Every structure is written in C-alpha cells, then in structure tokens.
Amino acid sequence: MRLTVVYLLLLFALPGLGQEKRTAAPKRSLSLYLGGGAAWETYRDRAMSPLLYEGIQGAAMLGFDIQGAKMLHRVEGRFWAGETSAQRRGGTTENLAFAVNGSHLKRLSAADAPWQWRAGPAVLVWGSLRYHTGLVNSNYFYDLFGSVGPSGSVERSIKMLRRRWTAGWQMSVPVFSWGLRPTYSGLVAATPEEELTAAPYLEEARFGAFKVLTGVQSRLHLRYPLPNENALMLVYHWDVFSSRLGHHPVTHAMNGLQLNLSIKLSR
C-alpha cells in the first residue's frame, strides 16, 4: 500500500515518469525565393484584332513559403514584359503582365509518405496591359481578373546524382471571378482628358462563375538542395485562361521556364 502511494506521488511530481518521451512539434519554416527566366506568350484579344499574337517575354518571380507540420502557405508573384506580333500582317504589341497565386494547402498524406499530397483554397489574380504600336486610336487593351478556387499539389523526394532532390506540381483553378475587360475596341482614353476617371473602367467589371473566367495556373518544379537548407529550383509555369466578359472574348496562354534561388530565412 505504501509503495503504491509513493509511486502515485512521484507520478504527479514528475510528469515524465511512466510516459513515453514526446517529440516536439516541428517549427514553422519560412523560405523566400526569387529568380527569372523567359516565357512564350500567345493570345487572341478580339477587342484588338482577330489575329493570334505571340512572342518571347522576359520573366521574373518572387514568392515565399511558410510550412508547418500540416499546412503550407504559399504566395507567388510572376511578372512578364516583352513584345508579340501577329501571324500575319497585323502589327506589334508591347506587353506587361502579372499573375499572383496565394494558396493555403493542407497535407493529406502521412508525414513519412513518399508522395506528399496537399489541397486547399487559393486566391488568384491576373492582370495585363497591351499597347498596339500599329494603331493610332484605341491602341491600349487590358485584362484584370481576381478569382477564388481550389488548389492542389503533390511532391516527392528523389535521389539523383548523390543528392536528394524534390519534384513537385501544383495546379489552381478559378471558380468565382471578378473581371474587368473593355466591352468595346480600345480604352476610355478616346474621351476628353478632363473626363478621364476610374468610373468608366469599373462600369465594365463583372462578377460570376466560369463564363467570366476559365483557366488554369500550373506549376512544376525541381528542387536541388544547397547548404543551410537553401535550394536552387527549376520552375515551369503554364498559365492559361479565356473569358467572354463583355463583347470581345480573349484567350491567353503563358509558358515559362525560370531558375530560382530559395533562401530559408528561419532556422
């Protein structure tokens, strides 16, 4: 009886006694990555021309990952600039474009599984501005879309060249979107300058599902480890969308290849 009482007292005084040693929960890690490369842009903007325009664009990327035990928060911005020209005689355009993808991904597989599956919601933003050098009036054309939709990713570690690489893929699809497109050929710049405000642009905005914007943002990467948990990443992006917002539909695709440096900021 006395031994039982002594054991119970020790059990309350020393919480670790008689229990398995608990493993500390992993800390969140923050990684910043940035880099650049090139992309092949193709689009058909019927507010401007029925012709297909295409060309090489310079590309840049800036993003960060916050990874915890079960969650991965990823925010990534991609930026492009360059020129395109029509298949037939139709002039040249100077282009600026950006895409932002913010995703909140929950791990679905076990921590030690070879394939790491994640899924969750994403916020997608796309914007572009085109200047047609061959037109005198109505020579600016634009797209601006904000969307929410599902996103999913998968990663797997592979051994190659005596190093442990990581290959991964993420895809995001817009479902509900807010879109801004010219419903006529050209911008409001044709109106008198004193009347230029944001109101005529915002009057063209629409909110809805699927018909406002249908598209995919897809990301493939191959990660090569560096000392101190940094890495080099080869990233391939495929951004494609189409919209019938307004009277002039648009289709657009961007295929890009970039080399990024990933820097782990938290230790």
Protein backbone atom coordinates (compact mmCIF):
# COMPACT_ATOMS: atom_id res chain seq x y z
CA MET A 1 0.00 0.00 0.00
CA ARG A 2 2.78 2.41 0.98
CA LEU A 3 4.64 1.64 -2.26
CA THR A 4 1.52 2.42 -4.26
CA VAL A 5 1.09 5.82 -2.54
CA VAL A 6 4.78 6.69 -3.10
CA TYR A 7 4.51 5.74 -6.80
CA LEU A 8 1.41 7.93 -7.28
CA LEU A 9 3.12 10.91 -5.62
CA LEU A 10 6.15 10.52 -7.86
CA LEU A 11 3.89 10.19 -10.91
CA PHE A 12 2.28 13.60 -10.21
CA ALA A 13 5.55 15.26 -9.19
CA LEU A 14 7.42 14.02 -12.27
CA PRO A 15 5.08 14.18 -15.28
CA GLY A 16 7.59 12.43 -17.50
CA LEU A 17 7.68 9.33 -15.33
CA GLY A 18 5.81 6.39 -16.78
CA GLN A 19 5.16 8.22 -20.08
CA GLU A 20 6.81 7.98 -23.46
CA LYS A 21 9.02 10.93 -24.41
CA ARG A 22 7.03 13.30 -26.56
CA THR A 23 8.53 14.60 -29.75
CA ALA A 24 8.48 18.39 -30.04
CA ALA A 25 6.23 19.70 -32.78
CA PRO A 26 8.19 20.96 -35.76
CA LYS A 27 8.55 24.71 -36.01
CA ARG A 28 7.26 26.68 -38.94
CA SER A 29 9.83 27.45 -41.59
CA LEU A 30 9.89 30.49 -43.85
CA SER A 31 11.57 30.37 -47.27
CA LEU A 32 11.90 33.22 -49.75
CA TYR A 33 12.56 32.50 -53.42
CA LEU A 34 13.25 34.75 -56.37
CA GLY A 35 14.57 34.36 -59.88
CA GLY A 36 13.96 34.92 -63.56
CA GLY A 37 13.78 33.37 -66.98
CA ALA A 38 11.71 33.57 -70.16
CA ALA A 39 8.21 32.73 -71.35
CA TRP A 40 6.36 32.21 -74.62
CA GLU A 41 3.16 34.27 -74.74
CA THR A 42 0.24 33.62 -77.10
CA TYR A 43 -3.10 35.42 -77.07
CA ARG A 44 -6.07 36.41 -79.18
CA ASP A 45 -7.74 39.59 -77.94
CA ARG A 46 -10.77 40.26 -80.15
CA ALA A 47 -11.18 43.75 -78.73
CA MET A 48 -7.98 44.49 -80.64
CA SER A 49 -7.75 42.02 -83.53
CA PRO A 50 -8.96 38.56 -84.64
CA LEU A 51 -5.33 37.56 -85.24
CA LEU A 52 -3.19 35.40 -82.96
CA TYR A 53 -0.28 37.30 -81.36
CA GLU A 54 2.77 35.55 -79.93
CA GLY A 55 6.31 36.27 -78.76
CA ILE A 56 9.02 35.76 -76.14
CA GLN A 57 8.70 37.57 -72.81
CA GLY A 58 11.20 38.26 -70.07
CA ALA A 59 10.02 36.75 -66.79
CA ALA A 60 10.65 37.30 -63.08
CA MET A 61 9.31 35.65 -59.93
CA LEU A 62 9.09 36.50 -56.24
CA GLY A 63 7.43 34.33 -53.61
CA PHE A 64 7.60 32.72 -50.18
CA ASP A 65 6.53 29.51 -48.47
CA ILE A 66 5.52 29.17 -44.83
CA GLN A 67 5.50 25.48 -43.97
CA GLY A 68 4.28 23.95 -40.73
CA ALA A 69 3.55 20.42 -39.55
CA LYS A 70 0.40 20.09 -41.68
CA MET A 71 -0.08 23.39 -43.52
CA LEU A 72 1.75 25.07 -46.40
CA HIS A 73 1.06 28.75 -47.08
CA ARG A 74 2.41 29.81 -50.48
CA VAL A 75 2.29 33.24 -52.09
CA GLU A 76 3.86 33.63 -55.51
CA GLY A 77 4.03 36.53 -57.95
CA ARG A 78 5.12 36.23 -61.58
CA PHE A 79 5.83 39.15 -63.89
CA TRP A 80 6.36 39.35 -67.67
CA ALA A 81 7.35 42.02 -70.17
CA GLY A 82 8.09 41.88 -73.88
CA GLU A 83 6.70 42.12 -77.40
CA THR A 84 4.38 40.00 -79.53
CA SER A 85 3.46 40.08 -83.20
CA ALA A 86 0.66 38.61 -85.32
CA GLN A 87 0.94 35.52 -87.50
CA ARG A 88 0.01 37.64 -90.49
CA ARG A 89 0.48 41.33 -91.03
CA GLY A 90 -1.18 42.88 -88.02
CA GLY A 91 1.42 44.91 -86.19
CA THR A 92 3.32 44.51 -82.92
CA THR A 93 2.26 44.90 -79.31
CA GLU A 94 4.26 45.75 -76.21
CA ASN A 95 3.02 43.79 -73.21
CA LEU A 96 3.11 43.86 -69.43
CA ALA A 97 1.50 41.09 -67.37
CA PHE A 98 1.46 39.67 -63.85
CA ALA A 99 -0.08 36.73 -62.01
CA VAL A 100 -0.38 36.22 -58.24
CA ASN A 101 -1.32 32.95 -56.57
CA GLY A 102 -1.90 32.76 -52.82
CA SER A 103 -2.74 29.24 -51.61
CA HIS A 104 -3.47 27.62 -48.24
CA LEU A 105 -2.64 23.92 -48.59
CA LYS A 106 -3.30 21.21 -46.00
CA ARG A 107 -1.27 18.00 -46.06
CA LEU A 108 -3.48 14.99 -46.82
CA SER A 109 -0.88 12.21 -46.65
CA ALA A 110 1.14 10.88 -43.72
CA ALA A 111 4.26 12.83 -42.76
CA ASP A 112 6.56 9.97 -43.85
CA ALA A 113 4.67 9.07 -47.04
CA PRO A 114 6.76 9.12 -50.25
CA TRP A 115 4.09 11.16 -52.03
CA GLN A 116 3.09 14.33 -50.20
CA TRP A 117 -0.42 15.41 -51.27
CA ARG A 118 -1.91 18.77 -50.30
CA ALA A 119 -5.14 20.62 -51.12
CA GLY A 120 -6.90 23.82 -50.15
CA PRO A 121 -8.30 27.16 -51.33
CA ALA A 122 -6.44 29.70 -53.45
CA VAL A 123 -6.80 33.36 -54.39
CA LEU A 124 -5.74 34.10 -57.99
CA VAL A 125 -5.09 37.48 -59.60
CA TRP A 126 -4.20 38.11 -63.25
CA GLY A 127 -3.53 41.46 -64.94
CA SER A 128 -2.14 42.53 -68.34
CA LEU A 129 -1.76 45.64 -70.46
CA ARG A 130 -1.12 45.64 -74.22
CA TYR A 131 -0.07 48.58 -76.36
CA HIS A 132 -0.57 48.11 -80.09
CA THR A 133 2.18 50.06 -81.87
CA GLY A 134 0.36 49.94 -85.22
CA LEU A 135 -2.89 51.61 -84.11
CA VAL A 136 -3.46 55.33 -83.68
CA ASN A 137 -6.75 55.29 -81.73
CA SER A 138 -7.86 52.55 -79.35
CA ASN A 139 -4.34 51.17 -79.04
CA TYR A 140 -4.41 50.07 -75.38
CA PHE A 141 -6.05 46.82 -74.25
CA TYR A 142 -6.18 45.24 -70.81
CA ASP A 143 -7.30 42.34 -68.60
CA LEU A 144 -7.80 42.33 -64.83
CA PHE A 145 -9.23 39.30 -63.01
CA GLY A 146 -9.49 38.29 -59.37
CA SER A 147 -10.66 34.77 -58.52
CA VAL A 148 -11.04 32.16 -55.80
CA GLY A 149 -10.92 28.43 -56.37
CA PRO A 150 -9.35 25.12 -55.34
CA SER A 151 -5.66 24.30 -55.47
CA GLY A 152 -3.81 21.02 -55.09
CA SER A 153 -0.19 19.93 -55.03
CA VAL A 154 1.97 16.82 -54.83
CA GLU A 155 5.67 16.44 -54.01
CA ARG A 156 8.10 13.53 -53.98
CA SER A 157 11.71 13.25 -52.94
CA ILE A 158 14.01 11.53 -55.45
CA LYS A 159 17.66 10.54 -55.22
CA MET A 160 19.74 11.64 -58.18
CA LEU A 161 23.47 12.38 -58.61
CA ARG A 162 24.07 11.50 -54.95
CA ARG A 163 21.74 14.24 -53.79
CA ARG A 164 18.18 14.22 -52.52
CA TRP A 165 16.10 16.26 -54.99
CA THR A 166 12.43 17.21 -54.67
CA ALA A 167 9.99 17.23 -57.58
CA GLY A 168 6.58 18.85 -57.24
CA TRP A 169 3.49 20.03 -59.07
CA GLN A 170 0.74 22.47 -58.10
CA MET A 171 -2.42 23.41 -60.01
CA SER A 172 -5.01 26.09 -59.22
CA VAL A 173 -8.36 26.60 -60.98
CA PRO A 174 -10.52 29.75 -60.71
CA VAL A 175 -14.19 29.18 -59.90
CA PHE A 176 -15.69 32.54 -58.87
CA SER A 177 -14.17 35.60 -60.51
CA TRP A 178 -14.35 39.36 -60.73
CA GLY A 179 -13.26 40.56 -64.17
CA LEU A 180 -12.53 43.80 -65.96
CA ARG A 181 -12.29 43.88 -69.77
CA PRO A 182 -13.09 46.55 -72.39
CA THR A 183 -16.51 45.88 -73.90
CA TYR A 184 -15.53 47.99 -76.89
CA SER A 185 -12.40 48.28 -79.01
CA GLY A 186 -9.87 50.31 -77.06
CA LEU A 187 -9.79 52.25 -73.80
CA VAL A 188 -11.63 55.23 -72.40
CA ALA A 189 -8.61 57.30 -73.48
CA ALA A 190 -10.66 58.28 -76.56
CA THR A 191 -12.82 60.50 -74.31
CA PRO A 192 -11.75 64.06 -73.36
CA GLU A 193 -8.96 64.13 -70.84
CA GLU A 194 -10.96 66.09 -68.26
CA GLU A 195 -13.48 63.25 -68.16
CA LEU A 196 -10.92 60.52 -67.53
CA THR A 197 -11.67 58.81 -64.21
CA ALA A 198 -11.73 55.23 -62.95
CA ALA A 199 -15.53 55.08 -63.20
CA PRO A 200 -15.81 54.20 -66.93
CA TYR A 201 -13.38 51.32 -66.43
CA LEU A 202 -15.15 49.95 -63.36
CA GLU A 203 -18.51 50.05 -65.14
CA GLU A 204 -17.23 47.22 -67.33
CA ALA A 205 -16.46 44.94 -64.36
CA ARG A 206 -18.44 41.72 -63.92
CA PHE A 207 -18.68 39.10 -61.17
CA GLY A 208 -19.63 35.49 -61.78
CA ALA A 209 -18.54 31.89 -62.24
CA PHE A 210 -16.83 30.14 -65.16
CA LYS A 211 -18.06 32.37 -68.01
CA VAL A 212 -16.30 35.39 -66.55
CA LEU A 213 -13.01 33.50 -66.46
CA THR A 214 -11.99 29.91 -67.11
CA GLY A 215 -8.38 28.94 -66.74
CA VAL A 216 -5.57 27.07 -65.00
CA GLN A 217 -2.38 28.07 -63.21
CA SER A 218 0.02 25.12 -63.24
CA ARG A 219 3.47 24.95 -61.64
CA LEU A 220 6.12 22.21 -61.96
CA HIS A 221 9.38 22.46 -60.05
CA LEU A 222 12.57 20.51 -59.47
CA ARG A 223 14.44 21.48 -56.29
CA TYR A 224 18.19 20.97 -55.85
CA PRO A 225 19.38 21.24 -52.21
CA LEU A 226 22.13 23.68 -51.19
CA PRO A 227 23.89 24.08 -47.80
CA ASN A 228 21.93 25.53 -44.86
CA GLU A 229 18.62 24.23 -46.27
CA ASN A 230 18.69 26.62 -49.20
CA ALA A 231 18.00 25.38 -52.74
CA LEU A 232 18.05 26.03 -56.45
CA MET A 233 14.71 25.50 -58.21
CA LEU A 234 13.95 24.96 -61.86
CA VAL A 235 10.31 26.01 -62.34
CA TYR A 236 7.99 25.58 -65.32
CA HIS A 237 4.77 27.60 -65.36
CA TRP A 238 1.74 27.22 -67.59
CA ASP A 239 -0.86 29.96 -67.17
CA VAL A 240 -3.86 29.78 -69.49
CA PHE A 241 -7.24 31.50 -69.41
CA SER A 242 -10.16 32.55 -71.59
CA SER A 243 -13.01 34.95 -70.95
CA ARG A 244 -16.18 36.03 -72.74
CA LEU A 245 -16.64 39.01 -70.46
CA GLY A 246 -18.08 41.86 -72.49
CA HIS A 247 -18.48 41.85 -76.26
CA HIS A 248 -14.91 40.86 -77.12
CA PRO A 249 -13.60 37.49 -75.84
CA VAL A 250 -9.95 36.90 -75.06
CA THR A 251 -7.80 33.76 -74.83
CA HIS A 252 -4.33 33.82 -73.37
CA ALA A 253 -1.50 31.39 -72.53
CA MET A 254 1.92 31.85 -70.98
CA ASN A 255 4.51 29.03 -70.92
CA GLY A 256 7.58 29.95 -68.87
CA LEU A 257 10.80 28.43 -67.57
CA GLN A 258 12.64 30.03 -64.66
CA LEU A 259 15.61 29.40 -62.39
CA ASN A 260 15.05 30.46 -58.79
CA LEU A 261 17.12 30.68 -55.63
CA SER A 262 15.29 29.59 -52.49
CA ILE A 263 16.61 31.08 -49.22
CA LYS A 264 15.49 29.70 -45.88
CA LEU A 265 15.03 32.65 -43.52
CA SER A 266 14.00 30.77 -40.35
CA ARG A 267 16.43 28.45 -38.57
